[in-house]
Protein backbone atom coordinates (compact mmCIF):
# COMPACT_ATOMS: atom_id res chain seq x y z
CA MET A 1 100.18 72.35 111.03
CA ILE A 2 96.72 71.36 109.81
CA ARG A 3 93.39 72.79 110.98
CA ASP A 4 91.49 70.41 113.27
CA SER A 5 88.11 70.84 111.55
CA VAL A 6 88.06 71.13 107.77
CA VAL A 7 85.90 73.82 106.14
CA LYS A 8 84.07 72.34 103.16
CA SER A 9 81.40 75.02 102.76
CA VAL A 10 81.77 78.75 103.42
CA LEU A 11 79.40 81.71 103.63
CA LEU A 12 81.13 84.79 102.23
CA ILE A 13 79.41 88.05 103.15
CA GLY A 14 79.63 91.21 101.03
CA GLY A 15 82.45 92.54 98.90
CA ARG A 16 82.63 93.61 95.29
CA ARG A 17 85.93 91.83 94.70
CA THR A 18 86.01 88.11 94.03
CA GLU A 19 89.53 87.00 95.03
CA ALA A 20 88.28 85.34 98.23
CA LEU A 21 85.56 83.47 96.32
CA GLU A 22 88.11 82.32 93.77
CA ALA A 23 90.48 81.10 96.50
CA ALA A 24 87.63 79.24 98.21
CA ARG A 25 86.70 77.44 95.00
CA GLU A 26 90.33 76.58 94.27
CA ALA A 27 90.56 75.03 97.73
CA GLY A 28 87.54 72.85 96.94
CA CYS A 29 85.04 74.72 99.12
CA ARG A 30 81.36 75.10 98.37
CA VAL A 31 80.67 78.85 98.24
CA ILE A 32 77.56 80.66 99.43
CA PHE A 33 77.51 84.40 98.79
CA ALA A 34 75.32 86.88 100.67
CA GLY A 35 75.44 90.59 100.00
CA PRO A 36 73.74 93.71 98.75
CA LYS A 37 72.57 93.65 95.15
CA SER A 38 75.05 96.41 94.32
CA ALA A 39 77.97 94.06 95.09
CA MET A 40 76.86 91.31 92.73
CA THR A 41 78.71 90.73 89.45
CA GLU A 42 78.60 88.02 86.83
CA ARG A 43 81.86 86.67 88.26
CA HIS A 44 80.15 86.24 91.65
CA ARG A 45 77.43 84.18 89.96
CA GLU A 46 80.05 82.00 88.24
CA LEU A 47 81.86 81.26 91.50
CA ALA A 48 79.01 80.90 94.00
CA ASP A 49 76.98 77.72 94.46
CA ALA A 50 74.20 79.70 96.13
CA VAL A 51 73.48 83.44 96.26
CA PHE A 52 71.34 85.48 98.64
CA LEU A 53 70.89 89.16 97.81
CA LEU A 54 69.06 92.04 99.44
CA PRO A 55 68.75 95.63 98.21
CA ASP A 56 70.67 96.87 101.26
CA LEU A 57 72.28 94.25 103.48
CA ALA A 58 72.86 95.82 106.90
CA PRO A 59 75.19 93.87 109.22
CA GLY A 60 72.32 92.95 111.56
CA THR A 61 70.27 91.71 108.64
CA ALA A 62 73.23 89.62 107.47
CA VAL A 63 73.19 87.80 110.81
CA GLU A 64 69.44 87.15 110.59
CA LEU A 65 69.77 85.97 106.99
CA ALA A 66 72.62 83.58 107.78
CA LEU A 67 70.84 82.03 110.76
CA ALA A 68 67.75 81.48 108.62
CA VAL A 69 69.71 80.08 105.68
CA HIS A 70 71.96 77.69 107.60
CA PRO A 71 69.38 74.93 108.25
CA VAL A 72 68.51 74.87 104.53
CA VAL A 73 71.91 75.59 102.96
CA PRO A 74 74.43 74.67 105.67
CA PHE A 75 77.94 76.10 105.81
CA ASP A 76 80.95 75.40 108.02
CA LEU A 77 82.12 78.99 108.48
CA ALA A 78 81.03 82.58 107.82
CA LEU A 79 83.72 84.91 106.48
CA THR A 80 84.15 88.43 105.15
CA VAL A 81 87.21 90.35 103.99
CA GLY A 82 86.27 93.89 105.01
CA ASP A 83 85.29 95.84 108.11
CA GLN A 84 81.60 96.29 107.35
CA TYR A 85 80.54 92.70 108.04
CA SER A 86 83.40 91.43 110.21
CA LEU A 87 81.45 91.57 113.46
CA ALA A 88 78.39 90.10 111.73
CA ALA A 89 80.42 87.11 110.52
CA ALA A 90 81.80 86.59 114.03
CA ARG A 91 78.28 86.69 115.50
CA ILE A 92 77.07 84.14 112.96
CA ASN A 93 79.93 81.78 113.83
CA HIS A 94 79.31 82.30 117.55
CA GLU A 95 75.55 81.66 117.30
CA LEU A 96 76.02 78.52 115.23
CA GLY A 97 79.00 77.19 117.18
CA LEU A 98 81.32 77.35 114.17
CA GLY A 99 84.93 77.47 115.35
CA SER A 100 86.97 80.54 114.40
CA ASN A 101 88.14 83.74 116.09
CA PRO A 102 86.08 84.30 119.28
CA LEU A 103 83.31 86.90 119.18
CA ARG A 104 85.01 88.95 121.92
CA THR A 105 88.22 89.01 119.87
CA VAL A 106 86.52 90.33 116.75
CA SER A 107 84.51 92.78 118.87
CA ALA A 108 87.77 94.10 120.32
CA VAL A 109 89.43 94.72 116.97
CA ASN A 110 86.31 96.62 115.86
CA ASP A 111 85.97 98.62 119.08
CA LYS A 112 89.16 100.53 119.89
CA ALA A 113 88.02 101.26 123.44
CA LEU A 114 87.41 97.57 124.16
CA MET A 115 90.74 96.69 122.52
CA ARG A 116 92.66 99.05 124.82
CA GLU A 117 90.73 97.74 127.84
CA ILE A 118 91.65 94.12 127.07
CA LEU A 119 95.31 94.98 126.45
CA ARG A 120 95.70 97.16 129.55
CA ASP A 121 96.98 94.38 131.81
CA LYS A 122 98.59 92.20 129.13
CA ALA A 123 102.26 91.73 128.25
CA VAL A 124 102.26 94.27 125.42
CA SER A 125 103.72 97.77 125.12
CA GLN A 126 101.17 100.04 126.74
CA VAL A 127 99.56 103.12 125.18
CA SER A 128 97.69 105.56 127.42
CA ALA A 129 94.06 105.61 126.27
CA ALA A 130 90.50 106.04 127.52
CA GLU A 131 86.95 105.81 126.23
CA VAL A 132 85.28 109.21 125.87
CA ARG A 133 81.52 109.71 126.10
CA THR A 134 81.27 113.12 127.77
CA PRO A 135 83.30 116.35 127.71
CA ALA A 136 84.38 115.56 131.28
CA ASP A 137 85.93 112.25 130.14
CA LEU A 138 88.10 114.06 127.62
CA GLN A 139 89.04 116.82 130.03
CA GLU A 140 90.04 114.27 132.67
CA PHE A 141 92.30 112.36 130.27
CA VAL A 142 94.06 115.51 129.08
CA ALA A 143 94.55 116.67 132.66
CA SER A 144 96.35 113.42 133.52
CA THR A 145 98.26 112.88 130.27
CA GLY A 146 98.86 116.33 128.84
CA PHE A 147 98.92 117.48 125.22
CA PRO A 148 99.04 116.44 122.43
CA VAL A 149 96.44 113.66 122.23
CA ILE A 150 94.64 111.77 119.46
CA VAL A 151 90.84 111.55 119.42
CA LYS A 152 89.11 109.07 117.10
CA PRO A 153 85.81 107.16 116.85
CA ALA A 154 85.84 103.95 118.88
CA LEU A 155 84.11 102.19 115.99
CA GLY A 156 85.72 104.17 113.16
CA SER A 157 87.45 103.02 109.98
CA ALA A 158 89.08 104.37 106.81
CA SER A 159 91.08 106.98 108.80
CA LYS A 160 87.91 109.06 109.12
CA ASP A 161 87.42 111.73 111.81
CA VAL A 162 90.82 111.41 113.49
CA PHE A 163 91.77 114.57 115.37
CA VAL A 164 95.10 115.71 116.76
CA VAL A 165 94.48 117.91 119.78
CA ALA A 166 97.69 119.85 120.37
CA ASP A 167 96.70 122.34 123.05
CA ARG A 168 93.87 123.85 125.06
CA ALA A 169 92.65 125.98 122.15
CA ALA A 170 92.52 122.91 119.87
CA LEU A 171 90.62 121.03 122.57
CA GLU A 172 87.96 123.74 122.73
CA SER A 173 87.58 123.86 118.93
CA THR A 174 87.45 120.08 118.58
CA MET A 175 84.95 119.41 121.35
CA PRO A 176 81.84 120.55 119.40
CA ARG A 177 82.82 118.34 116.43
CA LEU A 178 82.69 115.23 118.62
CA GLY A 179 79.02 115.64 119.53
CA LEU A 180 79.69 114.61 123.11
CA ALA A 181 76.63 114.60 125.35
CA ASP A 182 75.90 113.28 128.81
CA GLY A 183 76.99 109.74 128.07
CA ASP A 184 74.53 109.14 125.22
CA SER A 185 76.80 110.00 122.29
CA THR A 186 78.70 107.63 120.03
CA PRO A 187 81.84 106.64 121.94
CA TRP A 188 85.24 108.09 121.08
CA VAL A 189 88.72 107.05 122.16
CA VAL A 190 91.41 109.45 123.32
CA GLU A 191 95.02 108.26 123.22
CA GLU A 192 98.47 109.59 123.85
CA PHE A 193 100.05 111.04 120.70
CA LEU A 194 102.56 108.56 119.29
CA GLN A 195 105.51 109.99 117.36
CA GLY A 196 107.60 107.93 114.98
CA ARG A 197 107.34 105.98 111.73
CA GLU A 198 104.11 104.19 110.89
CA PHE A 199 103.85 100.67 109.52
CA SER A 200 101.29 97.95 109.02
CA VAL A 201 102.06 94.30 109.61
CA GLU A 202 100.48 91.61 107.45
CA THR A 203 100.06 88.27 109.20
CA HIS A 204 98.32 84.94 108.94
CA SER A 205 97.45 82.99 112.07
CA THR A 206 97.01 79.22 112.39
CA ALA A 207 95.69 77.75 115.67
CA GLY A 208 96.97 80.75 117.62
CA VAL A 209 100.40 80.83 115.96
CA HIS A 210 100.98 84.17 114.22
CA HIS A 211 103.10 84.15 111.06
CA LEU A 212 104.55 87.47 109.89
CA LEU A 213 104.23 87.81 106.11
CA ALA A 214 105.45 91.38 105.61
CA VAL A 215 105.94 94.77 107.21
CA THR A 216 104.39 97.51 105.06
CA GLU A 217 105.71 101.07 105.27
CA LYS A 218 102.91 103.61 105.08
CA PHE A 219 102.62 107.30 104.31
CA THR A 220 99.83 109.55 105.57
CA THR A 221 98.56 113.11 105.46
CA GLU A 222 98.70 115.33 108.53
CA ASN A 223 95.26 114.04 109.55
CA PHE A 224 96.33 110.40 109.09
CA VAL A 225 94.68 109.58 105.75
CA GLU A 226 96.83 106.98 104.04
CA ILE A 227 98.33 108.10 100.72
CA GLY A 228 100.97 105.45 100.05
CA HIS A 229 102.33 102.01 100.97
CA VAL A 230 105.43 100.01 100.08
CA VAL A 231 106.38 96.36 100.73
CA PRO A 232 108.90 95.60 102.13
CA ALA A 233 109.30 98.46 104.60
CA ARG A 234 112.67 100.19 104.76
CA ILE A 235 113.64 99.05 108.26
CA SER A 236 116.51 97.20 109.87
CA ALA A 237 116.37 93.53 110.84
CA GLU A 238 116.30 94.57 114.50
CA GLU A 239 113.35 96.90 113.92
CA ARG A 240 111.51 94.20 112.00
CA ASP A 241 112.06 91.70 114.83
CA ALA A 242 110.83 94.19 117.45
CA ILE A 243 107.71 94.95 115.40
CA ALA A 244 107.04 91.24 114.81
CA ASP A 245 107.37 90.44 118.52
CA GLU A 246 104.96 93.23 119.48
CA VAL A 247 102.36 92.22 116.89
CA ARG A 248 102.47 88.57 117.94
CA ALA A 249 102.04 89.60 121.57
CA VAL A 250 99.05 91.80 120.69
CA LEU A 251 97.32 89.12 118.61
CA THR A 252 97.86 86.53 121.34
CA ALA A 253 96.56 88.90 124.04
CA LEU A 254 93.41 89.60 122.01
CA GLY A 255 92.79 85.90 121.43
CA VAL A 256 93.26 85.78 117.65
CA GLU A 257 93.19 82.16 116.54
CA GLU A 258 93.29 82.10 112.76
CA GLY A 259 93.16 83.97 109.50
CA PRO A 260 94.57 87.13 107.98
CA GLY A 261 95.67 90.01 110.18
CA HIS A 262 96.44 93.65 109.44
CA THR A 263 98.01 95.49 112.38
CA GLU A 264 99.03 99.15 112.41
CA ILE A 265 102.11 100.02 114.44
CA MET A 266 104.00 103.21 115.27
CA LEU A 267 107.73 102.66 115.71
CA THR A 268 108.59 105.19 118.40
CA ALA A 269 111.78 106.04 120.26
CA ARG A 270 110.45 103.70 123.00
CA GLY A 271 109.88 100.88 120.53
CA PRO A 272 106.81 99.68 118.61
CA ARG A 273 103.39 100.76 119.88
CA LEU A 274 100.01 99.48 118.68
CA ILE A 275 97.69 101.83 116.83
CA GLU A 276 95.00 99.28 115.91
CA THR A 277 94.57 95.79 114.49
CA HIS A 278 92.12 93.92 112.26
CA THR A 279 91.23 90.28 111.63
CA ARG A 280 91.16 90.79 107.88
CA PRO A 281 93.59 91.46 105.02
CA GLY A 282 94.92 94.98 104.57
CA GLY A 283 93.09 97.37 102.26
CA ASP A 284 94.50 99.87 99.76
CA ALA A 285 95.79 97.07 97.47
CA ILE A 286 98.13 95.80 100.20
CA VAL A 287 96.97 92.28 99.28
CA GLU A 288 98.46 92.80 95.80
CA LEU A 289 101.64 94.45 97.16
CA LEU A 290 102.05 91.44 99.45
CA ARG A 291 101.57 88.98 96.59
CA LEU A 292 104.13 90.72 94.40
CA ALA A 293 106.81 91.41 97.01
CA THR A 294 106.55 88.17 99.04
CA GLY A 295 104.69 85.67 96.86
CA HIS A 296 102.01 85.24 99.54
CA ASP A 297 98.44 85.26 98.23
CA ILE A 298 96.60 85.92 101.50
CA HIS A 299 93.28 84.52 100.28
CA ARG A 300 94.80 81.29 98.95
CA LEU A 301 96.87 81.01 102.11
CA ASN A 302 93.76 81.36 104.27
CA PHE A 303 91.67 78.86 102.34
CA ALA A 304 94.51 76.36 102.25
CA TRP A 305 94.46 76.52 106.06
CA LEU A 306 90.67 76.39 106.35
CA SER A 307 90.32 73.45 103.97
CA GLY A 308 92.87 71.34 105.86
CA GLN A 309 95.75 71.64 103.41
CA PRO A 310 99.39 72.18 104.44
CA VAL A 311 100.20 75.90 104.63
CA ASP A 312 103.45 77.09 103.06
CA MET A 313 104.72 80.23 104.83
CA ALA A 314 107.96 80.46 102.82
CA ALA A 315 108.29 83.75 100.96
CA LYS A 316 108.74 83.51 97.17
CA PRO A 317 108.97 87.13 95.97
CA LEU A 318 108.01 87.91 92.39
CA VAL A 319 109.71 91.33 92.51
CA GLY A 320 112.08 93.19 94.81
CA ALA A 321 109.40 95.57 96.09
CA ALA A 322 105.91 96.85 95.32
CA ALA A 323 104.32 100.21 96.14
CA ILE A 324 101.11 102.15 95.68
CA TRP A 325 100.60 105.91 95.75
CA PHE A 326 97.30 107.79 95.81
CA LEU A 327 96.23 111.05 94.20
CA THR A 328 94.90 113.76 96.49
CA LEU A 329 93.53 117.06 95.23
CA PRO A 330 93.00 120.59 96.53
CA GLN A 331 89.50 121.86 97.24
CA GLY A 332 87.48 123.14 94.31
CA ARG A 333 85.79 121.97 91.12
CA VAL A 334 87.53 119.70 88.59
CA THR A 335 87.84 121.42 85.21
CA ALA A 336 90.06 118.86 83.44
CA ALA A 337 91.11 115.27 84.11
CA GLY A 338 93.34 112.90 82.19
CA GLY A 339 96.80 111.37 81.95
CA LEU A 340 95.82 107.78 82.63
CA ALA A 341 97.67 106.45 79.57
CA GLU A 342 100.74 108.46 80.57
CA ALA A 343 100.63 107.02 84.09
CA ASP A 344 100.31 103.48 82.76
CA ALA A 345 103.37 104.08 80.56
CA VAL A 346 105.73 104.79 83.48
CA GLU A 347 108.33 102.04 83.86
CA GLY A 348 107.31 99.57 86.53
CA VAL A 349 103.70 100.77 86.84
CA MET A 350 101.45 97.71 86.91
CA ALA A 351 98.12 99.53 87.18
CA ALA A 352 96.87 103.09 87.38
CA ASP A 353 93.44 104.54 88.00
CA LEU A 354 91.78 107.96 87.91
CA SER A 355 88.35 108.50 89.43
CA ALA A 356 88.21 112.31 89.28
CA ALA A 357 86.00 113.66 86.48
CA VAL A 358 85.17 117.10 85.14
CA GLY A 359 82.56 118.73 87.34
CA ASP A 360 83.47 116.85 90.52
CA VAL A 361 83.54 119.02 93.63
CA ILE A 362 86.62 118.23 95.72
CA ALA A 363 86.15 118.50 99.49
CA PRO A 364 88.94 118.55 102.09
CA ILE A 365 90.61 115.17 102.51
CA ARG A 366 89.17 113.54 105.62
CA SER A 367 89.27 109.81 104.84
CA SER A 368 90.50 107.29 102.29
CA GLU A 369 87.32 107.97 100.32
CA ASP A 370 88.75 111.42 99.46
CA ARG A 371 91.42 110.08 97.08
CA TYR A 372 90.95 110.35 93.34
CA GLY A 373 93.52 108.13 91.66
CA GLU A 374 96.41 105.77 92.21
CA ALA A 375 99.38 104.02 90.67
CA LEU A 376 100.76 100.64 91.70
CA ALA A 377 104.35 99.95 90.72
CA VAL A 378 107.15 97.43 91.22
CA GLY A 379 110.90 97.83 91.41
CA ASP A 380 114.15 96.19 92.46
CA ASP A 381 113.84 97.76 95.90
CA ALA A 382 111.46 99.88 97.96
CA ASP A 383 112.97 103.18 96.81
CA SER A 384 112.55 102.41 93.12
CA ALA A 385 109.03 101.01 93.55
CA LEU A 386 107.99 104.11 95.51
CA HIS A 387 109.55 106.46 92.97
CA ARG A 388 107.71 104.77 90.10
CA ALA A 389 104.36 104.76 91.90
CA ARG A 390 104.70 108.46 92.73
CA GLU A 391 105.79 109.24 89.17
CA GLY A 392 102.73 107.40 87.87
CA VAL A 393 100.45 109.55 90.04
CA ALA A 394 102.34 112.68 88.93
CA ARG A 395 101.40 111.86 85.31
CA LEU A 396 97.70 112.06 86.19
CA THR A 397 96.70 115.57 85.11
CA VAL A 398 93.78 116.98 87.08
CA GLU A 399 93.01 120.69 87.09
CA VAL A 400 90.98 122.08 89.97
CA GLU A 401 89.40 125.51 90.06
CA PRO A 402 89.60 126.85 93.63
CA PRO A 403 86.30 127.57 95.37
CA GLN A 404 85.02 131.10 94.95
CA PRO A 405 85.04 133.32 98.04
CA ALA A 406 81.66 133.62 99.65
CA ALA A 407 79.79 136.79 98.70
CA PRO A 408 79.48 139.34 101.51
CA ALA A 409 76.17 139.19 103.33
CA ALA A 410 73.62 141.79 102.26
CA ARG A 411 72.90 144.53 104.75
């Protein structure tokens, strides 16, 4: 299958990494880069035919910039590979009549309340959910569904501010943290609590046909911050088929037409249930895990499609499995940090990183930003890749002095 209209020039918005720019150039595309000055590197300058930088490129400003630039430096499509500018890119394409995923589709994958609304009457496995803007909204949902429930920002990302509300006492303690007012607050979503094993599904869509590239097994903390991934997931063929069918149904229902997809699924006793989906590649180095364990380079795959080349969906694994594990730390102040060479020396470890430094103050882990190191490893199978990644992280030696108890108040 070949794309009807060939993309010869692309506007890439934001991003410190350059893999998408490299893939665009390899596919023969003219590359225009727009982003904040902080994202710019020498490699960006080498790859881009034109560059537009601002000190702080807000998503709304990115739309204004693109609409102003297009008559002078035209492009066939606006793209981004992260969440920050995904809706901006969709708005640019919509305003300029550039064919890609519809604006409503991209809006839905960025707004969990809208996503659930669109899916409510579609042929997908249903999850009880509601938008929450007032305390009464939350109370009403709990009264009809019962405990436990999940509460999360409708427009959230990076696993930030996700609350499990297990009972009435938890509801009362959580309510003030949501900042709910009389309908004027930032919207939240409340959902039934899904129990099971969590996975993400990496896909690429071409003209509304959704190709499953891999199922990624994920590992999270109690408050749903992701701390590990492995490709391929340790599931049966029947489970993989059920997950694939559900993801394809969700993407079709939302109107996804093309490009990378990253869909999070809970495999429950009732079957797979959607957590959320994205019209972008997975984060947390899943792109690299996918490349190693399946042979699919998601950026090259996407630009082959966009530039009108034949797309090869056949898997050609380089290794049996690939995994990444992240370092989390207890609260306190870092007094010593090291072990990077030791982590790199673990058999199968392809890359390790340590961002914690002496003097850092470690807060409670609330999002993926609260991780301080990682190790990416390969193996003959998922078990060995996971073991090596976790062993690599275990070699990172970080000492944390616990916080001192608060002094008693003076009388």
